[in-house]
Amino acid sequence: MARERAAELLTVRQVLEELGGISRRTFYRWRELRTAPRCIRLPNGQLRVRRDVLNAWLDDRGEGPR
């Protein structure tokens, strides 16, 4: 179950919701600046973000002592 959750592929819409409802434009701007979480481009051109990659990306941006 944990492995399935880690391998879960999130759509851009799901990532936007996870990040508190940021705009699609903000997400794509972050991609331009190479500060967004690493994405996977599917053969149909759509983007996906692995759940574990998003979680690690969020952990890296935490403030204060760990």
C-alpha atoms as a PDB file:
ATOM      1  CA  MET A   1       0.000   0.000   0.000  1.00  0.00           C
ATOM      2  CA  ALA A   2       2.773   2.486   0.884  1.00  0.00           C
ATOM      3  CA  ARG A   3       4.570   1.651  -2.358  1.00  0.00           C
ATOM      4  CA  GLU A   4       1.368   2.183  -4.346  1.00  0.00           C
ATOM      5  CA  ARG A   5       0.874   5.557  -2.649  1.00  0.00           C
ATOM      6  CA  ALA A   6       4.476   6.594  -3.390  1.00  0.00           C
ATOM      7  CA  ALA A   7       4.100   5.594  -7.047  1.00  0.00           C
ATOM      8  CA  GLU A   8       0.787   7.450  -7.383  1.00  0.00           C
ATOM      9  CA  LEU A   9       0.838   9.859 -10.318  1.00  0.00           C
ATOM     10  CA  LEU A  10      -0.925  13.163  -9.679  1.00  0.00           C
ATOM     11  CA  THR A  11      -2.420  15.356 -12.372  1.00  0.00           C
ATOM     12  CA  VAL A  12      -1.525  19.031 -12.503  1.00  0.00           C
ATOM     13  CA  ARG A  13      -4.999  19.821 -11.136  1.00  0.00           C
ATOM     14  CA  GLN A  14      -4.404  17.512  -8.147  1.00  0.00           C
ATOM     15  CA  VAL A  15      -1.010  19.132  -7.487  1.00  0.00           C
ATOM     16  CA  LEU A  16      -2.592  22.597  -7.591  1.00  0.00           C
ATOM     17  CA  GLU A  17      -5.177  21.484  -5.040  1.00  0.00           C
ATOM     18  CA  GLU A  18      -2.498  19.904  -2.816  1.00  0.00           C
ATOM     19  CA  LEU A  19      -0.620  23.217  -2.862  1.00  0.00           C
ATOM     20  CA  GLY A  20      -3.597  25.120  -1.529  1.00  0.00           C
ATOM     21  CA  GLY A  21      -5.241  26.030  -4.799  1.00  0.00           C
ATOM     22  CA  ILE A  22      -2.405  27.898  -6.506  1.00  0.00           C
ATOM     23  CA  SER A  23      -3.109  28.971 -10.073  1.00  0.00           C
ATOM     24  CA  ARG A  24      -2.138  26.892 -13.081  1.00  0.00           C
ATOM     25  CA  ARG A  25      -0.149  29.892 -14.325  1.00  0.00           C
ATOM     26  CA  THR A  26       1.906  29.947 -11.100  1.00  0.00           C
ATOM     27  CA  PHE A  27       2.685  26.248 -11.457  1.00  0.00           C
ATOM     28  CA  TYR A  28       3.845  26.654 -15.067  1.00  0.00           C
ATOM     29  CA  ARG A  29       5.874  29.728 -14.101  1.00  0.00           C
ATOM     30  CA  TRP A  30       7.606  27.616 -11.454  1.00  0.00           C
ATOM     31  CA  ARG A  31       8.319  25.068 -14.183  1.00  0.00           C
ATOM     32  CA  GLU A  32       9.887  27.794 -16.335  1.00  0.00           C
ATOM     33  CA  LEU A  33      12.046  28.815 -13.375  1.00  0.00           C
ATOM     34  CA  ARG A  34      12.851  25.149 -12.624  1.00  0.00           C
ATOM     35  CA  THR A  35      11.502  25.452  -9.079  1.00  0.00           C
ATOM     36  CA  ALA A  36       8.408  23.241  -9.525  1.00  0.00           C
ATOM     37  CA  PRO A  37       8.402  19.591  -8.507  1.00  0.00           C
ATOM     38  CA  ARG A  38       9.848  17.303 -11.171  1.00  0.00           C
ATOM     39  CA  CYS A  39       7.189  16.239 -13.670  1.00  0.00           C
ATOM     40  CA  ILE A  40       6.714  13.289 -15.975  1.00  0.00           C
ATOM     41  CA  ARG A  41       5.458  14.025 -19.491  1.00  0.00           C
ATOM     42  CA  LEU A  42       3.208  11.268 -20.766  1.00  0.00           C
ATOM     43  CA  PRO A  43       3.135  10.252 -24.456  1.00  0.00           C
ATOM     44  CA  ASN A  44      -0.097  12.257 -24.874  1.00  0.00           C
ATOM     45  CA  GLY A  45       1.712  15.406 -23.648  1.00  0.00           C
ATOM     46  CA  GLN A  46       0.028  15.587 -20.247  1.00  0.00           C
ATOM     47  CA  LEU A  47       2.092  16.121 -17.108  1.00  0.00           C
ATOM     48  CA  ARG A  48       2.083  14.017 -13.965  1.00  0.00           C
ATOM     49  CA  VAL A  49       3.905  14.391 -10.649  1.00  0.00           C
ATOM     50  CA  ARG A  50       4.734  11.384  -8.502  1.00  0.00           C
ATOM     51  CA  ARG A  51       3.293  11.693  -4.991  1.00  0.00           C
ATOM     52  CA  ASP A  52       6.675  10.935  -3.366  1.00  0.00           C
ATOM     53  CA  VAL A  53       8.385  13.585  -5.511  1.00  0.00           C
ATOM     54  CA  LEU A  54       5.796  16.187  -4.478  1.00  0.00           C
ATOM     55  CA  ASN A  55       6.175  15.258  -0.804  1.00  0.00           C
ATOM     56  CA  ALA A  56       9.988  15.488  -1.009  1.00  0.00           C
ATOM     57  CA  TRP A  57       9.713  18.827  -2.834  1.00  0.00           C
ATOM     58  CA  LEU A  58       7.470  20.167  -0.060  1.00  0.00           C
ATOM     59  CA  ASP A  59       9.841  18.872   2.657  1.00  0.00           C
ATOM     60  CA  ASP A  60      12.760  20.674   0.976  1.00  0.00           C
ATOM     61  CA  ARG A  61      10.867  23.946   1.216  1.00  0.00           C
ATOM     62  CA  GLY A  62      10.081  23.724   4.909  1.00  0.00           C
ATOM     63  CA  GLU A  63      11.231  26.595   7.097  1.00  0.00           C
ATOM     64  CA  GLY A  64      12.790  26.380  10.526  1.00  0.00           C
ATOM     65  CA  PRO A  65      14.703  23.590  12.225  1.00  0.00           C
ATOM     66  CA  ARG A  66      14.076  19.999  11.223  1.00  0.00           C
END
